[in-house]
Every structure is written in C-alpha cells, then in structure tokens.
Amino acid sequence: MIERVLARPWRFAAPALAGIYAAAMALAPKPAMALSLAAPLAAVPFAYWAILKRDRWLTLFFAAALLLPPLPLGLGNSGPHPALVFVMLGLLVGVLSLGEWRAHDAPLNNAFGIFLLILLGSAAEAMLYSGASVGLGSLMRVMLFGISVYVFFYAACGPGAREPSDAFKQTRLLYWMAVASALFACVDFYFQFPAPAGYGAQFIWLRSGVYRRAQGIFYEASTLGNLCAFFLAMIAAALLSPRRQAPVSRRGLLLGGMIFAAALVLSYSRGSLINALVAIAVLVYLNRSRIRLGRFFLAVAGAALASGLAVRALLPSFAGAYWMRVSTSVEYLFSETEGLLSGRVASWRAVLAFLAQHPWHALFGIGYKTLPYSDYLGRTVITDNMYLSLLAETGIVGLGAMLWLNLQILRSAWRAAASPDPRRRFFGSWIFAFWAGQMVQMFSGDLLTYWRVLPLYFWVLAVAVRHEHSVS
C-alpha cells in the first residue's frame, strides 16, 4: 500500500486535502469560523453548474452587475462588487475551454488588443510618476476595463460565441434585468433610500429639498443614464424592425421605454440624453428607406410623453427644474459654457496648460486614471472627458489607439447593420447607433471606466460581428 502511494502520490492528493479541510472545520474554536470555512465548499457545486454551460457565467455576471450594489467593505474606491466573483468563474471557464478559442486576425480584434496593451503599459508610468499606491490603482482600473475586452473575445471568438438567432433569448433576459434595475432607480429616487456603498455624491437642489440623483445600484448617476441610453437605442432598433425580428414584444418595448426614459431623466445626465438622441437619429437614418416614420415617432413620443407626465405628476418641482436645465443648456451653450458644463472647462484648461508646459507627457502620458487620484499636476483633476483624459494619461499613443478602436467598432457594426440576416442586422444597427452616441458623450464623461455596463455593450458588439469573424 505504501509503495502504491509513493508511486502515484497525486491520486491521493484530493482525499488528503479534503480530510485536512474537514479536520480544520472540526477543530475551529468558534462556530462562525467553522461556517466561514464551510462556505467555499457550498460554492463548488454552484461553480460546477455554471461551468457545465459555457455562457452561464456571463448571465450571472450581467445579473450581478445590473442588479446588485457593491459590498459595504472598505476596499477600492466604491467597495468590491459581487460581479467580480463571476469574472473569476469566467476566466476559469475560458481556461478549461482553450480548445474552443479561435484566433482571428481581424482589425477590430487587433484594435482591442493594442489599446489594452497600451493601458497596461501606462500603469507602469503611473507608478513612476505618482507612486506605488496610485500606480496599483491604475493597474486595477486597467484590469476592470480588461473585463469588457475579455467578454468581447469570449463571445466573439471563444466558447461563448453564439449566432444572432440564439442570442435573442439572452437579450430578452438582459432587457428585463435592465428594466428592473432602472425601475428600482426610479423608486429609489422617489423614496431616497439609503445610498449603496461607495456612491458618488451627486445631488439636486430643489425648492422642496435636496435630493440624491437617481443612480439605482450604480456608483454614480451617469452610469445609470448611460445604461438607459443603451437600451433606449435597443428599443428604437426593435421598433424599426419587423415584429418577428425583435427580441421583445411591442408592449414590452413601450413599457421598458417609459421606465428607461424616466430613469434617464431622474439621473439628471444631459450627456446620456444627448447619447440617446444621437442613437435614435442614427437609427432613423439607417432605416430611412423602409420605415413608416410617423408610426415610429408616434410610439417614441408616446413613451416619452407618458414618462414625462408620470414624472410631473409624482415630482412636479423636479420636472420644472429638469426642463429648465435642458432649455438653458441649449440657450446658453456658447455664451455660458463654463457654468453649463459644471466646471469642466476649467479642468480642461488645467490639463491643456500642463501638456503645453510638459510636451513630452503628450506623447506617452502620466499613467491611466491618475488625474483624479494624483497631485502630479499640482492638484487632482477630474476632466470628465474621455479624449482629454486619455491624451494626458496615455499620450497621443493611447488616444490614437482609442480612436482607432472606436473607428473599428463603427466599421464592424456598420457591416453587421448591412447584413442580409435580419437578426444580425438588428444587433449591428443597435450597437452602431449607440456607439455613435457614445463617442459624442465621451466629450463629457470617462465612459470607458463604466466597467459594470461596458461588458454588456461589447457582448452585443460580439454577437453582431461573430459571423464576420467566422469567415475572416
């Protein structure tokens, strides 16, 4: 027996480890410690269930990202999020399914890879210029962006690749998850529930009091607004498609449209509103030769009017303040730009002045996501401008890579939107229109840091371009 154990010791490794683990639980001095040791064992069958089907972890990840708040723990900027557990599970599934990955030398794939490598390299610059603590934070934020890149490759070239027809069921589930998240945000704004862990302090001053902007379970209101713009673009794309070629029924689209429109308004995000308007305008242009514009605009106007009336009935003071905010933004866009952009122009001037005085930093930057957390410029600076942030933090090299990535996203989505396959055309037109609006909103927000919703956008992109990858 001893000779058999010595000959093949690895065969007995698992039983030995199980025995040691059981002994540790039995000898734990307190019941709470024993329960904490037993908790990981309960996760084993759950992880096995998730691994059995290659895209289950994606569904769980999206559900956690859309429906759960961060944990109230003092880690990171806003606390750790449960969705990260499913990211680890997804990485495990990817490793166990290496044989199902297919490498494609496509421009979009190359653009994703090059941009991610540049961001990783900039984390070293963050450590050099701002110290180990800021540099480690920069690396963590690069890895959070890397989640979205991994989701794209997993769904486009890996085990999670699905045909557009098969992705409709998943899209329907994601749609109702997002509706639930937006509905909670509306209820949360009305009742002003205690804010989740690590929330961004964004408030609205009305005659009736001071209110926290609608953010739902997200860190800040702009993320909620961006998600609403994304699904409003989906609703518009579905309404412009034949009934049988949409993932959700007409009634479901109109109900969701009212909820998303209300949440978008309550988020108080003008950038997200412009995003949604640009996306809808692009979709109308794409479908100009085969749609009945009157019926489409009637449906959109009806949903918007219903949302507006609901907000006005429940929150009359907010409705007046919001209309004033939008109208003054249009009226004083050029004469009172500084005030309308909430101080962003002063931050932009500070960054541009720094680059003018230190032109060598304009080439490679000072490190990704260091401006808000480092005083390397003399003080911390929040630019709320994706293009200017990347120029200062990753230099012309990083900004050029991001612009190239945006171009490839639009190019690939445009091809999908012109596909004879109606369902692939739906996904292509949806992501093309939304990303056009996203590029406009990047002038007023660091949208690539919205790691909880960005993977969802890239999943839709992956579904749209999968056929192109399979034949490249």
Protein backbone atom coordinates (compact mmCIF):
# COMPACT_ATOMS: atom_id res chain seq x y z
CA MET A 1 0.00 0.00 0.00
CA ILE A 2 2.76 2.40 0.93
CA GLU A 3 4.53 1.62 -2.33
CA ARG A 4 1.36 2.42 -4.28
CA VAL A 5 1.04 5.78 -2.53
CA LEU A 6 4.66 6.64 -3.19
CA ALA A 7 4.35 5.60 -6.83
CA ARG A 8 1.32 7.80 -7.57
CA PRO A 9 1.02 10.38 -4.80
CA TRP A 10 -1.17 12.77 -6.82
CA ARG A 11 -4.02 10.23 -6.84
CA PHE A 12 -4.42 10.68 -3.10
CA ALA A 13 -3.92 14.43 -3.02
CA ALA A 14 -7.62 15.30 -3.27
CA PRO A 15 -8.77 12.92 -0.49
CA ALA A 16 -5.92 14.10 1.72
CA LEU A 17 -6.78 17.76 1.21
CA ALA A 18 -10.47 17.05 1.87
CA GLY A 19 -9.56 15.32 5.13
CA ILE A 20 -7.32 18.18 6.23
CA TYR A 21 -10.04 20.71 5.39
CA ALA A 22 -12.67 18.73 7.32
CA ALA A 23 -10.33 18.50 10.30
CA ALA A 24 -9.77 22.25 10.21
CA MET A 25 -13.53 22.85 10.33
CA ALA A 26 -13.97 20.39 13.18
CA LEU A 27 -11.16 21.97 15.21
CA ALA A 28 -12.30 25.57 14.61
CA PRO A 29 -12.59 27.31 18.01
CA LYS A 30 -15.82 29.15 17.10
CA PRO A 31 -18.93 28.11 15.11
CA ALA A 32 -18.67 31.27 13.00
CA MET A 33 -15.17 30.29 11.89
CA ALA A 34 -16.34 26.77 11.04
CA LEU A 35 -19.19 28.20 8.94
CA SER A 36 -16.80 30.55 7.13
CA LEU A 37 -14.58 27.58 6.30
CA ALA A 38 -17.58 25.59 5.04
CA ALA A 39 -18.87 28.41 2.82
CA PRO A 40 -16.38 27.81 -0.03
CA LEU A 41 -17.49 24.16 -0.19
CA ALA A 42 -21.05 25.29 -0.94
CA ALA A 43 -19.72 27.28 -3.90
CA VAL A 44 -18.12 24.21 -5.52
CA PRO A 45 -21.34 22.64 -6.91
CA PHE A 46 -22.55 26.08 -7.97
CA ALA A 47 -19.31 26.71 -9.86
CA TYR A 48 -19.57 23.26 -11.46
CA TRP A 49 -23.15 24.02 -12.57
CA ALA A 50 -22.01 27.29 -14.11
CA ILE A 51 -19.11 25.63 -15.93
CA LEU A 52 -21.33 22.95 -17.49
CA LYS A 53 -22.76 25.51 -19.91
CA ARG A 54 -20.26 27.95 -21.37
CA ASP A 55 -22.36 31.13 -21.19
CA ARG A 56 -23.96 30.67 -17.77
CA TRP A 57 -21.25 32.71 -16.06
CA LEU A 58 -21.98 35.57 -18.46
CA THR A 59 -25.65 35.58 -17.48
CA LEU A 60 -24.71 35.52 -13.79
CA PHE A 61 -22.17 38.28 -14.30
CA PHE A 62 -24.64 40.54 -16.10
CA ALA A 63 -27.31 39.85 -13.47
CA ALA A 64 -24.93 40.78 -10.65
CA ALA A 65 -23.64 43.87 -12.47
CA LEU A 66 -27.15 45.17 -13.23
CA LEU A 67 -29.00 44.19 -10.06
CA LEU A 68 -26.56 44.13 -7.13
CA PRO A 69 -24.79 47.03 -5.37
CA PRO A 70 -21.15 46.97 -4.21
CA LEU A 71 -20.40 45.25 -0.92
CA PRO A 72 -20.08 47.62 2.07
CA LEU A 73 -16.41 46.86 2.61
CA GLY A 74 -13.53 49.31 2.76
CA LEU A 75 -11.77 48.05 -0.36
CA GLY A 76 -11.25 50.06 -3.53
CA ASN A 77 -12.94 53.30 -4.47
CA SER A 78 -16.50 52.02 -4.06
CA GLY A 79 -16.13 48.63 -2.39
CA PRO A 80 -15.76 45.22 -4.06
CA HIS A 81 -18.62 44.12 -6.25
CA PRO A 82 -20.14 40.60 -6.31
CA ALA A 83 -19.92 40.56 -10.13
CA LEU A 84 -16.15 40.11 -9.84
CA VAL A 85 -16.72 36.59 -8.47
CA PHE A 86 -18.34 35.61 -11.76
CA VAL A 87 -15.48 37.18 -13.69
CA MET A 88 -13.13 34.76 -11.94
CA LEU A 89 -15.51 31.96 -12.85
CA GLY A 90 -15.49 33.13 -16.46
CA LEU A 91 -11.70 33.11 -16.56
CA LEU A 92 -11.76 29.53 -15.28
CA VAL A 93 -14.27 28.53 -17.96
CA GLY A 94 -12.07 30.15 -20.59
CA VAL A 95 -9.01 28.21 -19.42
CA LEU A 96 -10.91 24.92 -19.30
CA SER A 97 -12.19 25.54 -22.84
CA LEU A 98 -8.94 26.53 -24.55
CA GLY A 99 -9.69 24.20 -27.46
CA GLU A 100 -12.80 26.20 -28.37
CA TRP A 101 -10.99 29.53 -28.87
CA ARG A 102 -10.42 30.65 -32.44
CA ALA A 103 -7.91 33.40 -33.15
CA HIS A 104 -8.93 35.81 -35.92
CA ASP A 105 -6.60 38.39 -37.39
CA ALA A 106 -9.36 40.98 -37.68
CA PRO A 107 -8.79 44.75 -37.38
CA LEU A 108 -11.31 45.03 -34.53
CA ASN A 109 -9.56 42.28 -32.55
CA ASN A 110 -6.19 43.92 -33.11
CA ALA A 111 -7.55 47.31 -32.05
CA PHE A 112 -8.86 45.86 -28.79
CA GLY A 113 -5.57 44.11 -28.07
CA ILE A 114 -3.36 47.11 -28.88
CA PHE A 115 -5.43 49.52 -26.78
CA LEU A 116 -5.42 47.17 -23.78
CA LEU A 117 -1.64 46.70 -24.02
CA ILE A 118 -1.13 50.47 -24.11
CA LEU A 119 -3.26 50.86 -20.98
CA LEU A 120 -1.25 48.16 -19.23
CA GLY A 121 1.98 49.92 -20.14
CA SER A 122 0.65 53.23 -18.83
CA ALA A 123 0.16 51.67 -15.37
CA ALA A 124 3.96 51.50 -15.09
CA GLU A 125 4.11 55.22 -15.81
CA ALA A 126 1.54 55.81 -13.07
CA MET A 127 3.84 54.06 -10.59
CA LEU A 128 6.84 56.06 -11.84
CA TYR A 129 5.23 59.50 -11.66
CA SER A 130 2.64 59.10 -8.87
CA GLY A 131 3.90 56.34 -6.61
CA ALA A 132 3.05 52.71 -5.94
CA SER A 133 -0.40 53.34 -4.45
CA VAL A 134 -1.71 55.37 -7.40
CA GLY A 135 0.06 53.03 -9.82
CA LEU A 136 -1.63 50.00 -8.30
CA GLY A 137 -4.98 51.76 -8.60
CA SER A 138 -4.21 52.47 -12.24
CA LEU A 139 -3.44 48.80 -12.84
CA MET A 140 -6.69 47.75 -11.13
CA ARG A 141 -8.69 50.08 -13.38
CA VAL A 142 -6.96 48.70 -16.46
CA MET A 143 -7.93 45.21 -15.33
CA LEU A 144 -11.53 46.35 -14.84
CA PHE A 145 -11.55 47.60 -18.44
CA GLY A 146 -9.97 44.27 -19.40
CA ILE A 147 -13.15 42.52 -18.21
CA SER A 148 -15.04 44.13 -21.08
CA VAL A 149 -12.34 43.12 -23.56
CA TYR A 150 -12.41 39.54 -22.27
CA VAL A 151 -16.20 39.42 -22.62
CA PHE A 152 -15.90 40.59 -26.22
CA PHE A 153 -13.31 37.96 -27.18
CA TYR A 154 -15.12 35.25 -25.21
CA ALA A 155 -18.37 35.96 -27.05
CA ALA A 156 -16.84 36.65 -30.48
CA CYS A 157 -14.00 34.15 -30.72
CA GLY A 158 -14.29 31.88 -27.69
CA PRO A 159 -16.58 29.33 -26.05
CA GLY A 160 -19.35 31.90 -25.64
CA ALA A 161 -19.73 32.57 -29.38
CA ARG A 162 -23.38 32.43 -30.40
CA GLU A 163 -25.35 33.02 -33.54
CA PRO A 164 -27.53 36.19 -33.52
CA SER A 165 -30.64 33.99 -33.60
CA ASP A 166 -29.50 32.17 -30.43
CA ALA A 167 -28.61 35.46 -28.70
CA PHE A 168 -32.19 36.78 -28.82
CA LYS A 169 -33.23 34.77 -25.75
CA GLN A 170 -30.25 36.12 -23.82
CA THR A 171 -31.04 39.65 -24.98
CA ARG A 172 -34.63 39.33 -23.77
CA LEU A 173 -33.39 38.27 -20.32
CA LEU A 174 -30.85 41.11 -20.16
CA TYR A 175 -33.52 43.58 -21.23
CA TRP A 176 -35.83 42.71 -18.35
CA MET A 177 -32.92 42.74 -15.90
CA ALA A 178 -32.10 46.27 -17.04
CA VAL A 179 -35.78 47.28 -16.79
CA ALA A 180 -35.81 46.06 -13.19
CA SER A 181 -32.61 48.00 -12.44
CA ALA A 182 -33.99 51.21 -13.98
CA LEU A 183 -37.34 50.78 -12.19
CA PHE A 184 -35.55 50.43 -8.85
CA ALA A 185 -33.60 53.60 -9.65
CA CYS A 186 -36.87 55.50 -10.15
CA VAL A 187 -38.33 54.15 -6.90
CA ASP A 188 -35.05 54.86 -5.12
CA PHE A 189 -35.12 58.48 -6.27
CA TYR A 190 -38.71 58.97 -5.13
CA PHE A 191 -38.19 57.47 -1.65
CA GLN A 192 -34.47 58.38 -1.33
CA PHE A 193 -33.41 55.05 0.14
CA PRO A 194 -30.03 54.90 1.94
CA ALA A 195 -27.32 55.07 -0.72
CA PRO A 196 -25.38 51.90 -1.56
CA ALA A 197 -21.75 51.50 -0.58
CA GLY A 198 -19.28 53.90 -2.16
CA TYR A 199 -21.80 56.01 -4.06
CA GLY A 200 -20.87 59.23 -5.83
CA ALA A 201 -22.24 62.28 -4.02
CA GLN A 202 -24.43 63.86 -6.75
CA PHE A 203 -27.37 65.97 -5.61
CA ILE A 204 -30.17 68.14 -6.99
CA TRP A 205 -31.25 71.27 -5.13
CA LEU A 206 -35.00 71.89 -5.43
CA ARG A 207 -37.41 74.10 -3.53
CA SER A 208 -38.75 71.05 -1.73
CA GLY A 209 -35.32 69.92 -0.58
CA VAL A 210 -32.01 68.35 -1.63
CA TYR A 211 -32.24 65.02 -3.43
CA ARG A 212 -29.67 62.47 -4.46
CA ARG A 213 -29.73 61.98 -8.23
CA ALA A 214 -31.16 58.68 -9.45
CA GLN A 215 -28.38 56.13 -9.62
CA GLY A 216 -30.04 52.88 -8.56
CA ILE A 217 -27.42 50.33 -7.58
CA PHE A 218 -24.62 52.04 -9.53
CA TYR A 219 -21.77 54.14 -8.20
CA GLU A 220 -22.94 57.28 -9.95
CA ALA A 221 -25.94 58.62 -11.82
CA SER A 222 -24.10 58.90 -15.15
CA THR A 223 -23.68 55.12 -15.32
CA LEU A 224 -27.42 54.66 -14.91
CA GLY A 225 -28.08 57.27 -17.60
CA ASN A 226 -25.63 55.59 -19.95
CA LEU A 227 -27.32 52.22 -19.46
CA CYS A 228 -30.73 53.80 -20.14
CA ALA A 229 -29.41 55.35 -23.37
CA PHE A 230 -28.13 51.92 -24.43
CA PHE A 231 -31.50 50.23 -24.01
CA LEU A 232 -33.42 53.15 -25.47
CA ALA A 233 -31.28 52.62 -28.57
CA MET A 234 -32.22 48.93 -28.48
CA ILE A 235 -35.92 49.80 -28.19
CA ALA A 236 -35.66 52.14 -31.18
CA ALA A 237 -33.82 49.47 -33.21
CA ALA A 238 -36.50 46.91 -32.31
CA LEU A 239 -39.38 49.27 -33.18
CA LEU A 240 -37.77 49.87 -36.56
CA SER A 241 -37.58 46.11 -37.19
CA PRO A 242 -40.41 43.76 -38.17
CA ARG A 243 -42.30 42.37 -35.17
CA ARG A 244 -40.90 38.85 -35.54
CA GLN A 245 -37.35 40.13 -35.77
CA ALA A 246 -37.32 41.90 -32.38
CA PRO A 247 -36.32 40.18 -29.13
CA VAL A 248 -39.13 41.80 -27.09
CA SER A 249 -42.81 42.35 -27.86
CA ARG A 250 -44.12 45.79 -28.76
CA ARG A 251 -45.87 46.12 -25.40
CA GLY A 252 -42.70 45.15 -23.59
CA LEU A 253 -40.70 47.68 -25.60
CA LEU A 254 -43.11 50.52 -24.81
CA LEU A 255 -43.24 49.62 -21.11
CA GLY A 256 -39.46 49.43 -20.91
CA GLY A 257 -39.15 52.64 -22.92
CA MET A 258 -41.22 54.55 -20.36
CA ILE A 259 -39.14 53.19 -17.47
CA PHE A 260 -35.79 53.85 -19.17
CA ALA A 261 -36.87 57.36 -20.20
CA ALA A 262 -38.00 58.16 -16.66
CA ALA A 263 -34.75 56.80 -15.15
CA LEU A 264 -32.72 58.77 -17.70
CA VAL A 265 -34.50 61.98 -16.73
CA LEU A 266 -34.13 61.29 -12.99
CA SER A 267 -30.42 60.58 -13.44
CA TYR A 268 -30.11 64.25 -14.49
CA SER A 269 -27.47 63.27 -17.06
CA ARG A 270 -27.52 65.59 -20.08
CA GLY A 271 -24.72 63.65 -21.76
CA SER A 272 -26.74 60.43 -21.67
CA LEU A 273 -29.78 62.26 -23.04
CA ILE A 274 -27.70 63.50 -25.99
CA ASN A 275 -26.35 59.97 -26.40
CA ALA A 276 -29.88 58.57 -26.72
CA LEU A 277 -30.97 61.29 -29.14
CA VAL A 278 -27.94 60.75 -31.38
CA ALA A 279 -28.52 56.98 -31.37
CA ILE A 280 -32.18 57.36 -32.33
CA ALA A 281 -31.30 59.83 -35.10
CA VAL A 282 -28.70 57.40 -36.48
CA LEU A 283 -31.22 54.54 -36.43
CA VAL A 284 -33.78 56.64 -38.29
CA TYR A 285 -31.16 57.45 -40.92
CA LEU A 286 -30.16 53.78 -41.28
CA ASN A 287 -33.79 52.75 -41.81
CA ARG A 288 -34.98 55.83 -43.71
CA SER A 289 -35.88 53.92 -46.89
CA ARG A 290 -38.10 51.24 -45.34
CA ILE A 291 -39.85 52.60 -42.28
CA ARG A 292 -43.01 54.49 -41.55
CA LEU A 293 -41.58 57.44 -39.68
CA GLY A 294 -44.99 58.60 -38.49
CA ARG A 295 -45.75 55.38 -36.62
CA PHE A 296 -42.22 55.21 -35.19
CA PHE A 297 -42.20 58.77 -33.91
CA LEU A 298 -45.71 58.31 -32.53
CA ALA A 299 -44.52 55.33 -30.46
CA VAL A 300 -41.39 57.15 -29.26
CA ALA A 301 -43.27 60.34 -28.49
CA GLY A 302 -45.97 58.37 -26.67
CA ALA A 303 -43.46 56.65 -24.40
CA ALA A 304 -41.62 59.93 -23.76
CA LEU A 305 -44.87 61.77 -23.03
CA ALA A 306 -46.06 59.07 -20.64
CA SER A 307 -42.74 59.19 -18.79
CA GLY A 308 -42.83 62.98 -18.65
CA LEU A 309 -46.39 63.03 -17.31
CA ALA A 310 -45.53 60.43 -14.68
CA VAL A 311 -42.50 62.44 -13.51
CA ARG A 312 -44.52 65.65 -13.47
CA ALA A 313 -47.36 64.06 -11.50
CA LEU A 314 -45.08 62.49 -8.89
CA LEU A 315 -42.31 65.10 -8.79
CA PRO A 316 -43.63 68.44 -10.11
CA SER A 317 -40.73 70.51 -8.73
CA PHE A 318 -38.19 68.16 -10.31
CA ALA A 319 -39.95 68.24 -13.69
CA GLY A 320 -39.75 72.04 -13.77
CA ALA A 321 -36.09 72.05 -12.74
CA TYR A 322 -35.20 69.42 -15.35
CA TRP A 323 -36.93 71.31 -18.15
CA MET A 324 -35.12 74.48 -17.08
CA ARG A 325 -31.81 72.59 -17.07
CA VAL A 326 -32.30 71.28 -20.60
CA SER A 327 -33.63 74.54 -22.07
CA THR A 328 -30.88 76.68 -20.55
CA SER A 329 -28.28 74.20 -21.77
CA VAL A 330 -29.44 74.82 -25.33
CA GLU A 331 -29.90 78.56 -24.93
CA TYR A 332 -26.57 79.35 -23.22
CA LEU A 333 -24.39 76.64 -24.74
CA PHE A 334 -21.89 79.08 -26.24
CA SER A 335 -22.31 82.15 -24.04
CA GLU A 336 -22.17 80.43 -20.62
CA THR A 337 -20.24 77.27 -21.46
CA GLU A 338 -18.27 77.13 -18.20
CA GLY A 339 -21.34 77.18 -15.99
CA LEU A 340 -23.33 74.77 -18.16
CA LEU A 341 -20.52 72.19 -18.15
CA SER A 342 -20.30 72.22 -14.34
CA GLY A 343 -16.73 73.48 -14.16
CA ARG A 344 -15.34 71.03 -16.70
CA VAL A 345 -13.83 73.78 -18.85
CA ALA A 346 -11.56 74.92 -16.01
CA SER A 347 -10.30 71.35 -15.59
CA TRP A 348 -9.74 71.06 -19.34
CA ARG A 349 -7.71 74.26 -19.31
CA ALA A 350 -5.57 72.97 -16.44
CA VAL A 351 -4.79 69.74 -18.30
CA LEU A 352 -4.02 71.50 -21.58
CA ALA A 353 -1.78 74.03 -19.77
CA PHE A 354 0.13 71.17 -18.16
CA LEU A 355 0.64 69.45 -21.52
CA ALA A 356 1.77 72.72 -23.08
CA GLN A 357 4.39 73.13 -20.34
CA HIS A 358 5.44 69.45 -20.44
CA PRO A 359 5.06 68.41 -24.10
CA TRP A 360 6.91 65.12 -23.60
CA HIS A 361 3.96 63.88 -21.50
CA ALA A 362 1.71 64.43 -24.51
CA LEU A 363 3.46 61.52 -26.21
CA PHE A 364 3.07 58.74 -23.62
CA GLY A 365 1.12 60.37 -20.76
CA ILE A 366 1.44 60.11 -16.99
CA GLY A 367 -0.49 56.87 -16.36
CA TYR A 368 -4.04 55.69 -16.92
CA LYS A 369 -6.63 57.10 -14.46
CA THR A 370 -4.14 59.09 -12.42
CA LEU A 371 -5.58 62.59 -12.89
CA PRO A 372 -8.40 62.15 -10.31
CA TYR A 373 -6.16 60.40 -7.75
CA SER A 374 -2.73 62.03 -8.08
CA ASP A 375 -1.45 65.57 -7.48
CA TYR A 376 1.18 65.25 -10.20
CA LEU A 377 -0.37 68.29 -11.93
CA GLY A 378 -0.29 70.19 -8.64
CA ARG A 379 -3.79 69.03 -7.67
CA THR A 380 -6.22 66.28 -8.55
CA VAL A 381 -8.18 66.96 -11.74
CA ILE A 382 -11.46 65.39 -12.86
CA THR A 383 -11.72 66.07 -16.58
CA ASP A 384 -14.97 64.21 -17.39
CA ASN A 385 -13.72 63.98 -20.96
CA MET A 386 -12.55 60.60 -22.25
CA TYR A 387 -10.48 62.06 -25.07
CA LEU A 388 -8.63 64.62 -22.98
CA SER A 389 -8.14 62.16 -20.12
CA LEU A 390 -6.51 59.63 -22.43
CA LEU A 391 -4.32 62.32 -24.02
CA ALA A 392 -2.96 63.35 -20.61
CA GLU A 393 -2.80 59.85 -19.10
CA THR A 394 -1.73 57.70 -22.07
CA GLY A 395 -0.47 60.34 -24.51
CA ILE A 396 -1.04 60.62 -28.22
CA VAL A 397 -0.28 56.91 -28.48
CA GLY A 398 -3.17 55.92 -26.21
CA LEU A 399 -5.59 58.47 -27.63
CA GLY A 400 -4.79 57.34 -31.17
CA ALA A 401 -5.35 53.70 -30.19
CA MET A 402 -8.72 54.55 -28.65
CA LEU A 403 -9.79 56.50 -31.74
CA TRP A 404 -8.72 53.56 -33.91
CA LEU A 405 -10.74 51.22 -31.69
CA ASN A 406 -13.81 53.45 -32.00
CA LEU A 407 -13.40 53.51 -35.77
CA GLN A 408 -13.16 49.72 -35.93
CA ILE A 409 -16.21 49.31 -33.70
CA LEU A 410 -18.24 51.54 -36.02
CA ARG A 411 -16.83 49.86 -39.12
CA SER A 412 -17.65 46.34 -37.90
CA ALA A 413 -21.08 47.36 -36.60
CA TRP A 414 -21.86 49.08 -39.91
CA ARG A 415 -21.09 45.86 -41.80
CA ALA A 416 -23.36 43.92 -39.46
CA ALA A 417 -26.11 46.53 -39.89
CA ALA A 418 -25.95 45.94 -43.66
CA SER A 419 -26.16 42.14 -43.31
CA PRO A 420 -28.96 40.23 -45.08
CA ASP A 421 -29.52 38.32 -41.82
CA PRO A 422 -32.26 40.37 -40.08
CA ARG A 423 -31.19 39.46 -36.56
CA ARG A 424 -27.54 40.20 -37.15
CA ARG A 425 -28.70 43.45 -38.76
CA PHE A 426 -30.63 44.24 -35.58
CA PHE A 427 -27.58 43.80 -33.33
CA GLY A 428 -25.35 45.67 -35.77
CA SER A 429 -27.65 48.69 -36.10
CA TRP A 430 -28.22 48.74 -32.33
CA ILE A 431 -24.53 48.88 -31.39
CA PHE A 432 -23.61 51.14 -34.32
CA ALA A 433 -26.18 53.76 -33.36
CA PHE A 434 -25.41 53.55 -29.66
CA TRP A 435 -21.66 53.74 -30.15
CA ALA A 436 -22.09 56.83 -32.32
CA GLY A 437 -23.90 58.43 -29.39
CA GLN A 438 -21.27 57.03 -27.02
CA MET A 439 -18.50 58.79 -28.93
CA VAL A 440 -20.37 62.08 -28.53
CA GLN A 441 -20.93 61.50 -24.81
CA MET A 442 -17.22 60.77 -24.32
CA PHE A 443 -16.67 64.53 -24.54
CA SER A 444 -18.41 64.86 -21.16
CA GLY A 445 -17.60 61.60 -19.37
CA ASP A 446 -14.96 58.89 -18.84
CA LEU A 447 -17.23 56.21 -20.26
CA LEU A 448 -14.58 53.50 -20.56
CA THR A 449 -14.45 53.36 -16.76
CA TYR A 450 -18.08 52.16 -16.53
CA TRP A 451 -16.91 48.57 -16.14
CA ARG A 452 -20.26 47.22 -14.92
CA VAL A 453 -22.14 48.14 -18.10
CA LEU A 454 -19.36 48.24 -20.71
CA PRO A 455 -19.13 44.40 -20.93
CA LEU A 456 -22.80 44.33 -21.90
CA TYR A 457 -22.15 46.76 -24.76
CA PHE A 458 -19.21 44.70 -26.02
CA TRP A 459 -21.26 41.50 -25.77
CA VAL A 460 -23.79 42.98 -28.20
CA LEU A 461 -20.90 44.02 -30.45
CA ALA A 462 -19.51 40.48 -30.31
CA VAL A 463 -22.86 38.98 -31.32
CA ALA A 464 -23.07 41.40 -34.24
CA VAL A 465 -19.57 40.68 -35.58
CA ARG A 466 -19.35 36.96 -34.84
CA HIS A 467 -20.22 35.91 -38.41
CA GLU A 468 -17.62 38.29 -39.80
CA HIS A 469 -15.02 36.67 -37.54
CA SER A 470 -16.04 33.17 -38.50
CA VAL A 471 -15.39 33.82 -42.18
CA SER A 472 -12.30 36.03 -41.82
